[in-house]
Amino acid sequence: MNPENVRTYATVLGVGSVIGVWKAVESSVGKTEERLEEQINKTEGRINQRLNKTDEKLDAIIEGIAFKENSP
């Protein structure tokens, strides 16, 4: 094998390695994005549940105040 072929082969291997690493990084980033999106959705769901409970409690308090104000 002459030096030119060795250099070309090494370059091809190097480029292939870089592409392989890049694809692995892309895959990892994609999986991380999916996990983050799932966590965001779960957190958003929990926040909405708490807000709904808080709204219900506030409604009950407001009704109680209105009832007291309208009582003789």
N, C-alpha and C. Protein backbone atom coordinates (compact mmCIF):
# COMPACT_ATOMS: atom_id res chain seq x y z
N MET A 1 0.85 -1.17 0.00
CA MET A 1 0.00 0.00 0.00
C MET A 1 0.90 1.24 0.00
N ASN A 2 0.64 2.15 -0.91
CA ASN A 2 1.48 3.35 -0.94
C ASN A 2 0.95 4.40 0.04
N PRO A 3 1.78 5.36 0.41
CA PRO A 3 1.40 6.36 1.42
C PRO A 3 0.14 7.16 1.05
N GLU A 4 -0.07 7.41 -0.23
CA GLU A 4 -1.25 8.18 -0.65
C GLU A 4 -2.52 7.40 -0.33
N ASN A 5 -2.51 6.09 -0.61
CA ASN A 5 -3.67 5.25 -0.30
C ASN A 5 -3.91 5.18 1.20
N VAL A 6 -2.83 5.09 1.96
CA VAL A 6 -2.95 5.02 3.43
C VAL A 6 -3.59 6.31 3.94
N ARG A 7 -3.12 7.46 3.42
CA ARG A 7 -3.67 8.75 3.82
C ARG A 7 -5.15 8.85 3.47
N THR A 8 -5.51 8.43 2.27
CA THR A 8 -6.91 8.47 1.83
C THR A 8 -7.77 7.57 2.71
N TYR A 9 -7.28 6.37 2.98
CA TYR A 9 -8.00 5.42 3.82
C TYR A 9 -8.20 5.99 5.22
N ALA A 10 -7.14 6.58 5.77
CA ALA A 10 -7.23 7.17 7.11
C ALA A 10 -8.22 8.32 7.13
N THR A 11 -8.23 9.12 6.07
CA THR A 11 -9.18 10.24 5.98
C THR A 11 -10.61 9.73 5.94
N VAL A 12 -10.84 8.70 5.13
CA VAL A 12 -12.18 8.12 5.03
C VAL A 12 -12.61 7.56 6.38
N LEU A 13 -11.72 6.87 7.06
CA LEU A 13 -12.04 6.33 8.38
C LEU A 13 -12.33 7.45 9.37
N GLY A 14 -11.53 8.50 9.30
CA GLY A 14 -11.73 9.65 10.20
C GLY A 14 -13.07 10.31 9.96
N VAL A 15 -13.41 10.54 8.70
CA VAL A 15 -14.69 11.15 8.36
C VAL A 15 -15.83 10.24 8.80
N GLY A 16 -15.67 8.95 8.57
CA GLY A 16 -16.69 8.00 8.99
C GLY A 16 -16.87 8.01 10.50
N SER A 17 -15.77 8.11 11.22
CA SER A 17 -15.85 8.16 12.68
C SER A 17 -16.57 9.42 13.14
N VAL A 18 -16.25 10.54 12.51
CA VAL A 18 -16.90 11.80 12.86
C VAL A 18 -18.40 11.71 12.59
N ILE A 19 -18.76 11.15 11.45
CA ILE A 19 -20.18 11.00 11.11
C ILE A 19 -20.86 10.09 12.13
N GLY A 20 -20.20 9.00 12.49
CA GLY A 20 -20.76 8.08 13.48
C GLY A 20 -20.98 8.75 14.82
N VAL A 21 -20.00 9.51 15.24
CA VAL A 21 -20.12 10.23 16.52
C VAL A 21 -21.24 11.26 16.42
N TRP A 22 -21.31 11.97 15.31
CA TRP A 22 -22.35 12.98 15.11
C TRP A 22 -23.74 12.35 15.19
N LYS A 23 -23.91 11.20 14.55
CA LYS A 23 -25.22 10.53 14.58
C LYS A 23 -25.56 10.08 16.00
N ALA A 24 -24.56 9.62 16.73
CA ALA A 24 -24.79 9.21 18.12
C ALA A 24 -25.20 10.41 18.96
N VAL A 25 -24.54 11.54 18.74
CA VAL A 25 -24.89 12.76 19.48
C VAL A 25 -26.30 13.21 19.13
N GLU A 26 -26.63 13.20 17.84
CA GLU A 26 -27.99 13.58 17.41
C GLU A 26 -29.04 12.69 18.07
N SER A 27 -28.77 11.41 18.11
CA SER A 27 -29.70 10.46 18.72
C SER A 27 -29.86 10.75 20.20
N SER A 28 -28.75 10.99 20.86
CA SER A 28 -28.77 11.27 22.30
C SER A 28 -29.54 12.56 22.58
N VAL A 29 -29.29 13.58 21.77
CA VAL A 29 -29.99 14.85 21.95
C VAL A 29 -31.48 14.66 21.71
N GLY A 30 -31.83 13.89 20.70
CA GLY A 30 -33.24 13.63 20.41
C GLY A 30 -33.93 12.94 21.57
N LYS A 31 -33.27 11.95 22.15
CA LYS A 31 -33.84 11.23 23.29
C LYS A 31 -33.97 12.15 24.49
N THR A 32 -32.97 13.01 24.69
CA THR A 32 -33.02 13.96 25.80
C THR A 32 -34.18 14.93 25.61
N GLU A 33 -34.38 15.40 24.39
CA GLU A 33 -35.49 16.30 24.10
C GLU A 33 -36.82 15.62 24.40
N GLU A 34 -36.95 14.35 24.02
CA GLU A 34 -38.19 13.61 24.27
C GLU A 34 -38.45 13.48 25.76
N ARG A 35 -37.39 13.14 26.53
CA ARG A 35 -37.55 13.01 27.98
C ARG A 35 -37.93 14.35 28.61
N LEU A 36 -37.29 15.42 28.16
CA LEU A 36 -37.62 16.74 28.70
C LEU A 36 -39.06 17.12 28.37
N GLU A 37 -39.49 16.81 27.16
CA GLU A 37 -40.87 17.12 26.77
C GLU A 37 -41.86 16.34 27.64
N GLU A 38 -41.55 15.08 27.92
CA GLU A 38 -42.41 14.28 28.80
C GLU A 38 -42.47 14.88 30.19
N GLN A 39 -41.31 15.28 30.73
CA GLN A 39 -41.27 15.89 32.05
C GLN A 39 -42.05 17.20 32.08
N ILE A 40 -41.91 18.00 31.04
CA ILE A 40 -42.65 19.26 30.96
C ILE A 40 -44.15 18.99 30.95
N ASN A 41 -44.58 18.02 30.17
CA ASN A 41 -46.01 17.69 30.09
C ASN A 41 -46.54 17.21 31.43
N LYS A 42 -45.77 16.36 32.12
CA LYS A 42 -46.19 15.87 33.44
C LYS A 42 -46.28 17.02 34.43
N THR A 43 -45.26 17.88 34.43
CA THR A 43 -45.25 19.01 35.35
C THR A 43 -46.41 19.95 35.05
N GLU A 44 -46.66 20.19 33.78
CA GLU A 44 -47.77 21.06 33.38
C GLU A 44 -49.10 20.46 33.86
N GLY A 45 -49.24 19.15 33.75
CA GLY A 45 -50.45 18.48 34.22
C GLY A 45 -50.64 18.64 35.72
N ARG A 46 -49.54 18.47 36.48
CA ARG A 46 -49.61 18.63 37.93
C ARG A 46 -49.97 20.07 38.31
N ILE A 47 -49.37 21.02 37.62
CA ILE A 47 -49.66 22.43 37.90
C ILE A 47 -51.13 22.73 37.63
N ASN A 48 -51.65 22.22 36.52
CA ASN A 48 -53.06 22.45 36.18
C ASN A 48 -53.99 21.83 37.22
N GLN A 49 -53.63 20.64 37.72
CA GLN A 49 -54.44 20.01 38.77
C GLN A 49 -54.47 20.88 40.02
N ARG A 50 -53.30 21.38 40.41
CA ARG A 50 -53.23 22.23 41.61
C ARG A 50 -54.02 23.53 41.41
N LEU A 51 -53.90 24.10 40.22
CA LEU A 51 -54.66 25.32 39.94
C LEU A 51 -56.16 25.07 40.01
N ASN A 52 -56.60 23.94 39.49
CA ASN A 52 -58.02 23.60 39.54
C ASN A 52 -58.49 23.45 40.99
N LYS A 53 -57.69 22.79 41.82
CA LYS A 53 -58.04 22.63 43.23
C LYS A 53 -58.08 23.99 43.93
N THR A 54 -57.11 24.84 43.61
CA THR A 54 -57.07 26.18 44.20
C THR A 54 -58.30 26.98 43.77
N ASP A 55 -58.66 26.88 42.49
CA ASP A 55 -59.86 27.57 42.00
C ASP A 55 -61.10 27.10 42.74
N GLU A 56 -61.21 25.79 42.97
CA GLU A 56 -62.36 25.25 43.69
C GLU A 56 -62.40 25.79 45.12
N LYS A 57 -61.25 25.83 45.77
CA LYS A 57 -61.20 26.35 47.14
C LYS A 57 -61.58 27.83 47.18
N LEU A 58 -61.05 28.60 46.24
CA LEU A 58 -61.39 30.02 46.18
C LEU A 58 -62.87 30.23 45.91
N ASP A 59 -63.45 29.43 45.03
CA ASP A 59 -64.88 29.52 44.76
C ASP A 59 -65.69 29.26 46.02
N ALA A 60 -65.27 28.24 46.79
CA ALA A 60 -65.97 27.92 48.03
C ALA A 60 -65.85 29.07 49.03
N ILE A 61 -64.68 29.67 49.13
CA ILE A 61 -64.48 30.80 50.04
C ILE A 61 -65.35 31.98 49.62
N ILE A 62 -65.36 32.27 48.33
CA ILE A 62 -66.16 33.39 47.82
C ILE A 62 -67.64 33.14 48.07
N GLU A 63 -68.09 31.91 47.85
CA GLU A 63 -69.50 31.58 48.11
C GLU A 63 -69.82 31.75 49.59
N GLY A 64 -68.88 31.34 50.46
CA GLY A 64 -69.10 31.49 51.90
C GLY A 64 -69.20 32.95 52.30
N ILE A 65 -68.34 33.78 51.74
CA ILE A 65 -68.37 35.22 52.04
C ILE A 65 -69.68 35.83 51.53
N ALA A 66 -70.07 35.47 50.32
CA ALA A 66 -71.31 35.99 49.75
C ALA A 66 -72.51 35.55 50.58
N PHE A 67 -72.49 34.32 51.06
CA PHE A 67 -73.58 33.81 51.89
C PHE A 67 -73.67 34.60 53.19
N LYS A 68 -72.52 34.85 53.83
CA LYS A 68 -72.50 35.61 55.08
C LYS A 68 -72.99 37.04 54.86
N GLU A 69 -72.61 37.65 53.76
CA GLU A 69 -73.03 39.02 53.48
C GLU A 69 -74.53 39.10 53.22
N ASN A 70 -75.11 38.04 52.66
CA ASN A 70 -76.54 38.04 52.35
C ASN A 70 -77.39 37.53 53.50
N SER A 71 -76.76 37.02 54.55
CA SER A 71 -77.51 36.51 55.70
C SER A 71 -77.96 37.69 56.57
N PRO A 72 -79.16 37.54 57.17
CA PRO A 72 -79.68 38.63 58.03
C PRO A 72 -78.92 38.75 59.34
